Every structure is written in structure tokens, then in C-alpha cells.
All heavy atoms as atom14 arrays in JSON, in Angstrom:
{
  "sequence": "HVGREALSVEVHYWLREVSRVDRTADSAASFRWSDDGPASA",
  "atom14_mask": [
    [1, 1, 1, 1, 1, 1, 1, 1, 1, 1, 0, 0, 0, 0],
    [1, 1, 1, 1, 1, 1, 1, 0, 0, 0, 0, 0, 0, 0],
    [1, 1, 1, 1, 0, 0, 0, 0, 0, 0, 0, 0, 0, 0],
    [1, 1, 1, 1, 1, 1, 1, 1, 1, 1, 1, 0, 0, 0],
    [1, 1, 1, 1, 1, 1, 1, 1, 1, 0, 0, 0, 0, 0],
    [1, 1, 1, 1, 1, 0, 0, 0, 0, 0, 0, 0, 0, 0],
    [1, 1, 1, 1, 1, 1, 1, 1, 0, 0, 0, 0, 0, 0],
    [1, 1, 1, 1, 1, 1, 0, 0, 0, 0, 0, 0, 0, 0],
    [1, 1, 1, 1, 1, 1, 1, 0, 0, 0, 0, 0, 0, 0],
    [1, 1, 1, 1, 1, 1, 1, 1, 1, 0, 0, 0, 0, 0],
    [1, 1, 1, 1, 1, 1, 1, 0, 0, 0, 0, 0, 0, 0],
    [1, 1, 1, 1, 1, 1, 1, 1, 1, 1, 0, 0, 0, 0],
    [1, 1, 1, 1, 1, 1, 1, 1, 1, 1, 1, 1, 0, 0],
    [1, 1, 1, 1, 1, 1, 1, 1, 1, 1, 1, 1, 1, 1],
    [1, 1, 1, 1, 1, 1, 1, 1, 0, 0, 0, 0, 0, 0],
    [1, 1, 1, 1, 1, 1, 1, 1, 1, 1, 1, 0, 0, 0],
    [1, 1, 1, 1, 1, 1, 1, 1, 1, 0, 0, 0, 0, 0],
    [1, 1, 1, 1, 1, 1, 1, 0, 0, 0, 0, 0, 0, 0],
    [1, 1, 1, 1, 1, 1, 0, 0, 0, 0, 0, 0, 0, 0],
    [1, 1, 1, 1, 1, 1, 1, 1, 1, 1, 1, 0, 0, 0],
    [1, 1, 1, 1, 1, 1, 1, 0, 0, 0, 0, 0, 0, 0],
    [1, 1, 1, 1, 1, 1, 1, 1, 0, 0, 0, 0, 0, 0],
    [1, 1, 1, 1, 1, 1, 1, 1, 1, 1, 1, 0, 0, 0],
    [1, 1, 1, 1, 1, 1, 1, 0, 0, 0, 0, 0, 0, 0],
    [1, 1, 1, 1, 1, 0, 0, 0, 0, 0, 0, 0, 0, 0],
    [1, 1, 1, 1, 1, 1, 1, 1, 0, 0, 0, 0, 0, 0],
    [1, 1, 1, 1, 1, 1, 0, 0, 0, 0, 0, 0, 0, 0],
    [1, 1, 1, 1, 1, 0, 0, 0, 0, 0, 0, 0, 0, 0],
    [1, 1, 1, 1, 1, 0, 0, 0, 0, 0, 0, 0, 0, 0],
    [1, 1, 1, 1, 1, 1, 0, 0, 0, 0, 0, 0, 0, 0],
    [1, 1, 1, 1, 1, 1, 1, 1, 1, 1, 1, 0, 0, 0],
    [1, 1, 1, 1, 1, 1, 1, 1, 1, 1, 1, 0, 0, 0],
    [1, 1, 1, 1, 1, 1, 1, 1, 1, 1, 1, 1, 1, 1],
    [1, 1, 1, 1, 1, 1, 0, 0, 0, 0, 0, 0, 0, 0],
    [1, 1, 1, 1, 1, 1, 1, 1, 0, 0, 0, 0, 0, 0],
    [1, 1, 1, 1, 1, 1, 1, 1, 0, 0, 0, 0, 0, 0],
    [1, 1, 1, 1, 0, 0, 0, 0, 0, 0, 0, 0, 0, 0],
    [1, 1, 1, 1, 1, 1, 1, 0, 0, 0, 0, 0, 0, 0],
    [1, 1, 1, 1, 1, 0, 0, 0, 0, 0, 0, 0, 0, 0],
    [1, 1, 1, 1, 1, 1, 0, 0, 0, 0, 0, 0, 0, 0],
    [1, 1, 1, 1, 1, 0, 0, 0, 0, 0, 0, 0, 0, 0]
  ],
  "atom14_positions": [
    [[-2.38, -17.57, -31.3], [-2.67, -17.68, -32.76], [-3.28, -19.02, -33.08], [-4.15, -19.1, -33.96], [-1.37, -17.44, -33.57], [-0.92, -16.02, -33.57], [-1.36, -15.11, -34.52], [-0.07, -15.34, -32.75], [-0.8, -13.95, -34.29], [0.0, -14.06, -33.28], [0.0, 0.0, 0.0], [0.0, 0.0, 0.0], [0.0, 0.0, 0.0], [0.0, 0.0, 0.0]],
    [[-2.86, -20.07, -32.42], [-3.32, -21.41, -32.72], [-4.67, -21.66, -32.09], [-5.53, -22.38, -32.64], [-2.28, -22.48, -32.38], [-2.81, -23.92, -32.5], [-1.03, -22.3, -33.26], [0.0, 0.0, 0.0], [0.0, 0.0, 0.0], [0.0, 0.0, 0.0], [0.0, 0.0, 0.0], [0.0, 0.0, 0.0], [0.0, 0.0, 0.0], [0.0, 0.0, 0.0]],
    [[-4.87, -21.21, -30.85], [-6.06, -21.48, -30.14], [-5.97, -22.61, -29.18], [-4.91, -23.0, -28.7], [0.0, 0.0, 0.0], [0.0, 0.0, 0.0], [0.0, 0.0, 0.0], [0.0, 0.0, 0.0], [0.0, 0.0, 0.0], [0.0, 0.0, 0.0], [0.0, 0.0, 0.0], [0.0, 0.0, 0.0], [0.0, 0.0, 0.0], [0.0, 0.0, 0.0]],
    [[-7.14, -23.23, -28.96], [-7.24, -24.16, -27.82], [-6.49, -25.49, -27.96], [-6.43, -26.27, -27.03], [-8.73, -24.42, -27.48], [-9.49, -25.08, -28.58], [-10.96, -25.17, -28.14], [-11.71, -26.04, -28.99], [-13.0, -26.36, -28.76], [-13.64, -25.83, -27.7], [-13.67, -27.21, -29.53], [0.0, 0.0, 0.0], [0.0, 0.0, 0.0], [0.0, 0.0, 0.0]],
    [[-5.99, -25.79, -29.2], [-5.26, -27.05, -29.36], [-3.79, -26.88, -28.87], [-3.07, -27.86, -28.83], [-5.27, -27.49, -30.83], [-4.53, -26.58, -31.78], [-4.75, -26.97, -33.24], [-5.86, -26.88, -33.7], [-3.74, -27.39, -33.82], [0.0, 0.0, 0.0], [0.0, 0.0, 0.0], [0.0, 0.0, 0.0], [0.0, 0.0, 0.0], [0.0, 0.0, 0.0]],
    [[-3.37, -25.69, -28.56], [-2.01, -25.41, -28.07], [-2.0, -25.33, -26.57], [-3.06, -25.26, -25.91], [-1.51, -24.08, -28.74], [0.0, 0.0, 0.0], [0.0, 0.0, 0.0], [0.0, 0.0, 0.0], [0.0, 0.0, 0.0], [0.0, 0.0, 0.0], [0.0, 0.0, 0.0], [0.0, 0.0, 0.0], [0.0, 0.0, 0.0], [0.0, 0.0, 0.0]],
    [[-0.81, -25.4, -26.02], [-0.65, -25.2, -24.57], [-1.16, -23.81, -24.17], [-1.01, -22.84, -24.88], [0.84, -25.25, -24.16], [1.52, -26.58, -24.07], [3.06, -26.36, -23.77], [0.94, -27.43, -23.01], [0.0, 0.0, 0.0], [0.0, 0.0, 0.0], [0.0, 0.0, 0.0], [0.0, 0.0, 0.0], [0.0, 0.0, 0.0], [0.0, 0.0, 0.0]],
    [[-1.82, -23.8, -23.04], [-2.2, -22.43, -22.47], [-1.15, -22.11, -21.42], [-0.66, -22.93, -20.65], [-3.61, -22.49, -21.87], [-3.65, -23.42, -20.78], [0.0, 0.0, 0.0], [0.0, 0.0, 0.0], [0.0, 0.0, 0.0], [0.0, 0.0, 0.0], [0.0, 0.0, 0.0], [0.0, 0.0, 0.0], [0.0, 0.0, 0.0], [0.0, 0.0, 0.0]],
    [[-0.81, -20.82, -21.37], [0.25, -20.29, -20.49], [-0.42, -19.37, -19.48], [-1.06, -18.4, -19.86], [1.27, -19.57, -21.26], [2.39, -19.04, -20.3], [1.97, -20.47, -22.3], [0.0, 0.0, 0.0], [0.0, 0.0, 0.0], [0.0, 0.0, 0.0], [0.0, 0.0, 0.0], [0.0, 0.0, 0.0], [0.0, 0.0, 0.0], [0.0, 0.0, 0.0]],
    [[-0.3, -19.72, -18.18], [-0.89, -18.9, -17.13], [0.26, -18.33, -16.29], [1.18, -19.04, -15.89], [-1.81, -19.71, -16.25], [-3.02, -20.31, -16.98], [-3.82, -21.23, -16.08], [-3.5, -21.27, -14.88], [-4.8, -21.8, -16.58], [0.0, 0.0, 0.0], [0.0, 0.0, 0.0], [0.0, 0.0, 0.0], [0.0, 0.0, 0.0], [0.0, 0.0, 0.0]],
    [[0.21, -17.06, -16.04], [1.18, -16.4, -15.15], [0.41, -15.75, -14.03], [-0.53, -14.96, -14.28], [2.06, -15.36, -15.89], [3.04, -14.69, -14.91], [2.86, -16.07, -17.01], [0.0, 0.0, 0.0], [0.0, 0.0, 0.0], [0.0, 0.0, 0.0], [0.0, 0.0, 0.0], [0.0, 0.0, 0.0], [0.0, 0.0, 0.0], [0.0, 0.0, 0.0]],
    [[0.75, -16.05, -12.8], [0.04, -15.45, -11.61], [1.08, -14.69, -10.78], [2.21, -15.11, -10.54], [-0.47, -16.6, -10.77], [-1.47, -17.52, -11.45], [-2.82, -17.32, -11.45], [-1.26, -18.6, -12.25], [-3.4, -18.28, -12.15], [-2.45, -19.06, -12.69], [0.0, 0.0, 0.0], [0.0, 0.0, 0.0], [0.0, 0.0, 0.0], [0.0, 0.0, 0.0]],
    [[0.6, -13.54, -10.33], [1.37, -12.73, -9.39], [0.47, -12.32, -8.25], [-0.6, -11.68, -8.48], [1.92, -11.49, -10.1], [3.05, -10.83, -9.34], [4.29, -11.4, -9.26], [2.88, -9.6, -8.68], [5.33, -10.83, -8.59], [3.89, -9.0, -7.98], [5.11, -9.62, -7.93], [6.16, -8.99, -7.26], [0.0, 0.0, 0.0], [0.0, 0.0, 0.0]],
    [[0.77, -12.67, -7.06], [-0.14, -12.49, -5.94], [0.34, -11.26, -5.12], [1.49, -11.14, -4.79], [-0.14, -13.71, -5.06], [-0.72, -14.92, -5.71], [-0.1, -15.77, -6.58], [-2.06, -15.46, -5.52], [-0.93, -16.73, -7.01], [-2.15, -16.58, -6.4], [-3.15, -15.04, -4.8], [-3.34, -17.3, -6.47], [-4.33, -15.77, -4.91], [-4.35, -16.92, -5.71]],
    [[-0.65, -10.45, -4.78], [-0.39, -9.31, -3.88], [-1.2, -9.52, -2.64], [-2.44, -9.69, -2.69], [-0.81, -7.95, -4.51], [0.2, -7.32, -5.51], [0.28, -8.12, -6.84], [-0.25, -5.9, -5.79], [0.0, 0.0, 0.0], [0.0, 0.0, 0.0], [0.0, 0.0, 0.0], [0.0, 0.0, 0.0], [0.0, 0.0, 0.0], [0.0, 0.0, 0.0]],
    [[-0.52, -9.52, -1.52], [-1.21, -9.76, -0.22], [-1.76, -8.45, 0.27], [-1.09, -7.4, 0.35], [-0.13, -10.29, 0.74], [-0.7, -10.95, 2.03], [0.49, -11.49, 2.81], [0.07, -12.4, 3.83], [0.88, -13.05, 4.62], [2.24, -12.89, 4.42], [0.48, -13.9, 5.52], [0.0, 0.0, 0.0], [0.0, 0.0, 0.0], [0.0, 0.0, 0.0]],
    [[-3.08, -8.43, 0.6], [-3.65, -7.19, 1.1], [-3.07, -6.82, 2.49], [-2.84, -7.7, 3.3], [-5.17, -7.29, 1.19], [-5.69, -8.32, 2.11], [-7.24, -8.32, 2.13], [-7.79, -7.26, 1.76], [-7.85, -9.26, 2.58], [0.0, 0.0, 0.0], [0.0, 0.0, 0.0], [0.0, 0.0, 0.0], [0.0, 0.0, 0.0], [0.0, 0.0, 0.0]],
    [[-2.77, -5.57, 2.66], [-2.07, -5.09, 3.85], [-3.06, -4.75, 4.96], [-2.68, -4.2, 6.0], [-1.17, -3.91, 3.57], [-0.08, -4.28, 2.56], [-1.95, -2.73, 3.02], [0.0, 0.0, 0.0], [0.0, 0.0, 0.0], [0.0, 0.0, 0.0], [0.0, 0.0, 0.0], [0.0, 0.0, 0.0], [0.0, 0.0, 0.0], [0.0, 0.0, 0.0]],
    [[-4.33, -5.07, 4.82], [-5.28, -4.76, 5.89], [-5.11, -5.67, 7.06], [-5.58, -5.36, 8.16], [-6.75, -4.88, 5.37], [-6.97, -6.14, 4.86], [0.0, 0.0, 0.0], [0.0, 0.0, 0.0], [0.0, 0.0, 0.0], [0.0, 0.0, 0.0], [0.0, 0.0, 0.0], [0.0, 0.0, 0.0], [0.0, 0.0, 0.0], [0.0, 0.0, 0.0]],
    [[-4.42, -6.8, 6.85], [-4.3, -7.76, 7.98], [-2.8, -7.68, 8.46], [-2.07, -8.61, 8.46], [-4.54, -9.19, 7.52], [-6.02, -9.42, 7.12], [-6.31, -10.87, 6.81], [-7.7, -11.08, 6.48], [-8.18, -11.05, 5.27], [-7.43, -10.84, 4.26], [-9.47, -11.25, 5.09], [0.0, 0.0, 0.0], [0.0, 0.0, 0.0], [0.0, 0.0, 0.0]],
    [[-2.5, -6.46, 8.91], [-1.13, -6.21, 9.42], [-1.23, -5.74, 10.88], [-2.03, -4.88, 11.22], [-0.41, -5.11, 8.6], [0.93, -4.82, 9.16], [-0.25, -5.59, 7.11], [0.0, 0.0, 0.0], [0.0, 0.0, 0.0], [0.0, 0.0, 0.0], [0.0, 0.0, 0.0], [0.0, 0.0, 0.0], [0.0, 0.0, 0.0], [0.0, 0.0, 0.0]],
    [[-0.48, -6.38, 11.72], [-0.43, -5.98, 13.18], [0.79, -5.15, 13.44], [1.88, -5.44, 12.92], [-0.43, -7.26, 14.06], [-1.69, -8.05, 13.93], [-2.72, -7.49, 13.54], [-1.61, -9.28, 14.17], [0.0, 0.0, 0.0], [0.0, 0.0, 0.0], [0.0, 0.0, 0.0], [0.0, 0.0, 0.0], [0.0, 0.0, 0.0], [0.0, 0.0, 0.0]],
    [[0.62, -4.12, 14.25], [1.76, -3.35, 14.69], [2.16, -3.76, 16.08], [1.31, -3.93, 16.97], [1.38, -1.81, 14.66], [2.58, -0.91, 14.98], [2.17, 0.51, 15.16], [3.25, 1.46, 15.13], [4.06, 1.7, 16.2], [3.85, 1.03, 17.32], [5.03, 2.56, 16.12], [0.0, 0.0, 0.0], [0.0, 0.0, 0.0], [0.0, 0.0, 0.0]],
    [[3.4, -3.99, 16.26], [3.9, -4.38, 17.6], [3.77, -3.23, 18.56], [4.03, -2.09, 18.23], [5.4, -4.79, 17.5], [5.5, -5.84, 16.52], [5.87, -5.3, 18.89], [0.0, 0.0, 0.0], [0.0, 0.0, 0.0], [0.0, 0.0, 0.0], [0.0, 0.0, 0.0], [0.0, 0.0, 0.0], [0.0, 0.0, 0.0], [0.0, 0.0, 0.0]],
    [[3.22, -3.5, 19.79], [3.11, -2.52, 20.8], [4.43, -2.18, 21.39], [4.89, -2.69, 22.42], [2.13, -2.99, 21.89], [0.0, 0.0, 0.0], [0.0, 0.0, 0.0], [0.0, 0.0, 0.0], [0.0, 0.0, 0.0], [0.0, 0.0, 0.0], [0.0, 0.0, 0.0], [0.0, 0.0, 0.0], [0.0, 0.0, 0.0], [0.0, 0.0, 0.0]],
    [[5.14, -1.31, 20.7], [6.48, -0.97, 21.12], [6.81, 0.43, 20.57], [6.13, 0.95, 19.64], [7.53, -1.99, 20.65], [8.87, -1.83, 21.27], [8.99, -1.73, 22.49], [9.84, -1.71, 20.51], [0.0, 0.0, 0.0], [0.0, 0.0, 0.0], [0.0, 0.0, 0.0], [0.0, 0.0, 0.0], [0.0, 0.0, 0.0], [0.0, 0.0, 0.0]],
    [[7.8, 1.11, 21.15], [8.17, 2.44, 20.71], [8.72, 2.45, 19.29], [8.64, 3.37, 18.55], [9.16, 3.07, 21.68], [10.33, 2.21, 21.8], [0.0, 0.0, 0.0], [0.0, 0.0, 0.0], [0.0, 0.0, 0.0], [0.0, 0.0, 0.0], [0.0, 0.0, 0.0], [0.0, 0.0, 0.0], [0.0, 0.0, 0.0], [0.0, 0.0, 0.0]],
    [[9.36, 1.32, 18.91], [9.9, 1.14, 17.54], [8.87, 0.58, 16.64], [8.27, -0.47, 16.99], [11.17, 0.29, 17.58], [0.0, 0.0, 0.0], [0.0, 0.0, 0.0], [0.0, 0.0, 0.0], [0.0, 0.0, 0.0], [0.0, 0.0, 0.0], [0.0, 0.0, 0.0], [0.0, 0.0, 0.0], [0.0, 0.0, 0.0], [0.0, 0.0, 0.0]],
    [[8.61, 1.21, 15.53], [7.58, 0.67, 14.59], [8.03, -0.64, 13.99], [9.12, -0.7, 13.36], [7.32, 1.76, 13.51], [0.0, 0.0, 0.0], [0.0, 0.0, 0.0], [0.0, 0.0, 0.0], [0.0, 0.0, 0.0], [0.0, 0.0, 0.0], [0.0, 0.0, 0.0], [0.0, 0.0, 0.0], [0.0, 0.0, 0.0], [0.0, 0.0, 0.0]],
    [[7.23, -1.66, 14.17], [7.46, -2.92, 13.53], [6.12, -3.61, 13.3], [5.17, -3.37, 14.05], [8.35, -3.78, 14.38], [7.77, -4.05, 15.66], [0.0, 0.0, 0.0], [0.0, 0.0, 0.0], [0.0, 0.0, 0.0], [0.0, 0.0, 0.0], [0.0, 0.0, 0.0], [0.0, 0.0, 0.0], [0.0, 0.0, 0.0], [0.0, 0.0, 0.0]],
    [[6.07, -4.44, 12.27], [4.83, -5.0, 11.87], [4.94, -6.53, 11.59], [6.07, -6.99, 11.38], [4.31, -4.35, 10.61], [4.18, -2.9, 10.7], [5.24, -2.04, 10.41], [2.99, -2.31, 11.12], [5.15, -0.64, 10.52], [2.87, -0.91, 11.28], [3.94, -0.1, 10.9], [0.0, 0.0, 0.0], [0.0, 0.0, 0.0], [0.0, 0.0, 0.0]],
    [[3.82, -7.25, 11.63], [3.76, -8.64, 11.22], [2.46, -8.91, 10.57], [1.47, -8.16, 10.74], [3.97, -9.55, 12.45], [2.86, -9.51, 13.45], [3.13, -10.36, 14.67], [3.44, -11.77, 14.3], [2.53, -12.66, 14.06], [1.24, -12.32, 14.02], [2.91, -13.88, 13.73], [0.0, 0.0, 0.0], [0.0, 0.0, 0.0], [0.0, 0.0, 0.0]],
    [[2.4, -10.0, 9.78], [1.17, -10.37, 9.12], [0.28, -11.19, 10.12], [0.62, -12.19, 10.63], [1.45, -11.23, 7.88], [2.31, -10.59, 6.91], [3.64, -10.77, 6.67], [1.95, -9.58, 5.94], [4.05, -9.93, 5.64], [3.02, -9.21, 5.21], [0.71, -8.96, 5.64], [2.98, -8.24, 4.19], [0.67, -8.02, 4.68], [1.79, -7.66, 3.94]],
    [[-0.92, -10.6, 10.4], [-1.74, -11.25, 11.37], [-2.28, -12.63, 10.92], [-2.53, -13.48, 11.76], [-2.96, -10.37, 11.68], [-3.7, -10.04, 10.52], [0.0, 0.0, 0.0], [0.0, 0.0, 0.0], [0.0, 0.0, 0.0], [0.0, 0.0, 0.0], [0.0, 0.0, 0.0], [0.0, 0.0, 0.0], [0.0, 0.0, 0.0], [0.0, 0.0, 0.0]],
    [[-2.37, -12.84, 9.61], [-2.83, -14.17, 9.15], [-1.74, -15.22, 9.05], [-1.92, -16.28, 8.55], [-3.59, -14.06, 7.81], [-2.83, -13.35, 6.75], [-1.62, -13.07, 6.98], [-3.36, -13.14, 5.66], [0.0, 0.0, 0.0], [0.0, 0.0, 0.0], [0.0, 0.0, 0.0], [0.0, 0.0, 0.0], [0.0, 0.0, 0.0], [0.0, 0.0, 0.0]],
    [[-0.56, -14.85, 9.6], [0.53, -15.86, 9.68], [0.34, -16.72, 10.9], [1.13, -17.62, 11.16], [1.89, -15.17, 9.73], [2.39, -14.77, 8.32], [1.81, -15.32, 7.36], [3.36, -13.99, 8.22], [0.0, 0.0, 0.0], [0.0, 0.0, 0.0], [0.0, 0.0, 0.0], [0.0, 0.0, 0.0], [0.0, 0.0, 0.0], [0.0, 0.0, 0.0]],
    [[-0.66, -16.41, 11.69], [-0.9, -17.22, 12.9], [-0.5, -16.43, 14.13], [0.04, -15.31, 14.05], [0.0, 0.0, 0.0], [0.0, 0.0, 0.0], [0.0, 0.0, 0.0], [0.0, 0.0, 0.0], [0.0, 0.0, 0.0], [0.0, 0.0, 0.0], [0.0, 0.0, 0.0], [0.0, 0.0, 0.0], [0.0, 0.0, 0.0], [0.0, 0.0, 0.0]],
    [[-0.69, -17.05, 15.32], [-0.36, -16.36, 16.58], [1.14, -16.03, 16.63], [2.0, -16.8, 16.1], [-0.75, -17.41, 17.65], [-1.7, -18.31, 17.01], [-1.28, -18.38, 15.53], [0.0, 0.0, 0.0], [0.0, 0.0, 0.0], [0.0, 0.0, 0.0], [0.0, 0.0, 0.0], [0.0, 0.0, 0.0], [0.0, 0.0, 0.0], [0.0, 0.0, 0.0]],
    [[1.44, -14.89, 17.3], [2.8, -14.57, 17.48], [3.52, -15.54, 18.36], [2.89, -16.06, 19.29], [2.91, -13.12, 18.06], [0.0, 0.0, 0.0], [0.0, 0.0, 0.0], [0.0, 0.0, 0.0], [0.0, 0.0, 0.0], [0.0, 0.0, 0.0], [0.0, 0.0, 0.0], [0.0, 0.0, 0.0], [0.0, 0.0, 0.0], [0.0, 0.0, 0.0]],
    [[4.75, -15.84, 18.06], [5.53, -16.76, 18.9], [6.77, -16.05, 19.37], [7.2, -14.99, 18.91], [5.94, -18.02, 18.08], [6.84, -17.69, 17.09], [0.0, 0.0, 0.0], [0.0, 0.0, 0.0], [0.0, 0.0, 0.0], [0.0, 0.0, 0.0], [0.0, 0.0, 0.0], [0.0, 0.0, 0.0], [0.0, 0.0, 0.0], [0.0, 0.0, 0.0]],
    [[7.42, -16.68, 20.36], [8.65, -16.12, 20.94], [9.78, -16.08, 19.97], [10.78, -15.42, 20.16], [9.04, -16.9, 22.2], [0.0, 0.0, 0.0], [0.0, 0.0, 0.0], [0.0, 0.0, 0.0], [0.0, 0.0, 0.0], [0.0, 0.0, 0.0], [0.0, 0.0, 0.0], [0.0, 0.0, 0.0], [0.0, 0.0, 0.0], [0.0, 0.0, 0.0]]
  ]
}
């Protein structure tokens, strides 16, 4: 109502795209985010 002399309020909600998901080569289905970096022990 007041315009640009008032505080602006920004709300962000991030959704991570699921196209960068790796499936573990195992009989049990499990996944990890490929852009989290190389898999570690």
C-alpha cells in the first residue's frame, strides 16, 4: 500500500530439480544428488 518507501519483503522457496539424481548400482533402490560432488565412503 505504501510503495517503495517501505521495506520490501522477499520470500524464496527453492526446489531442486531431480534430473541430477544418481541411482546406486545395487539391488536395493537408493539415490543421491549427483551435484553434491563425488561419492565418498
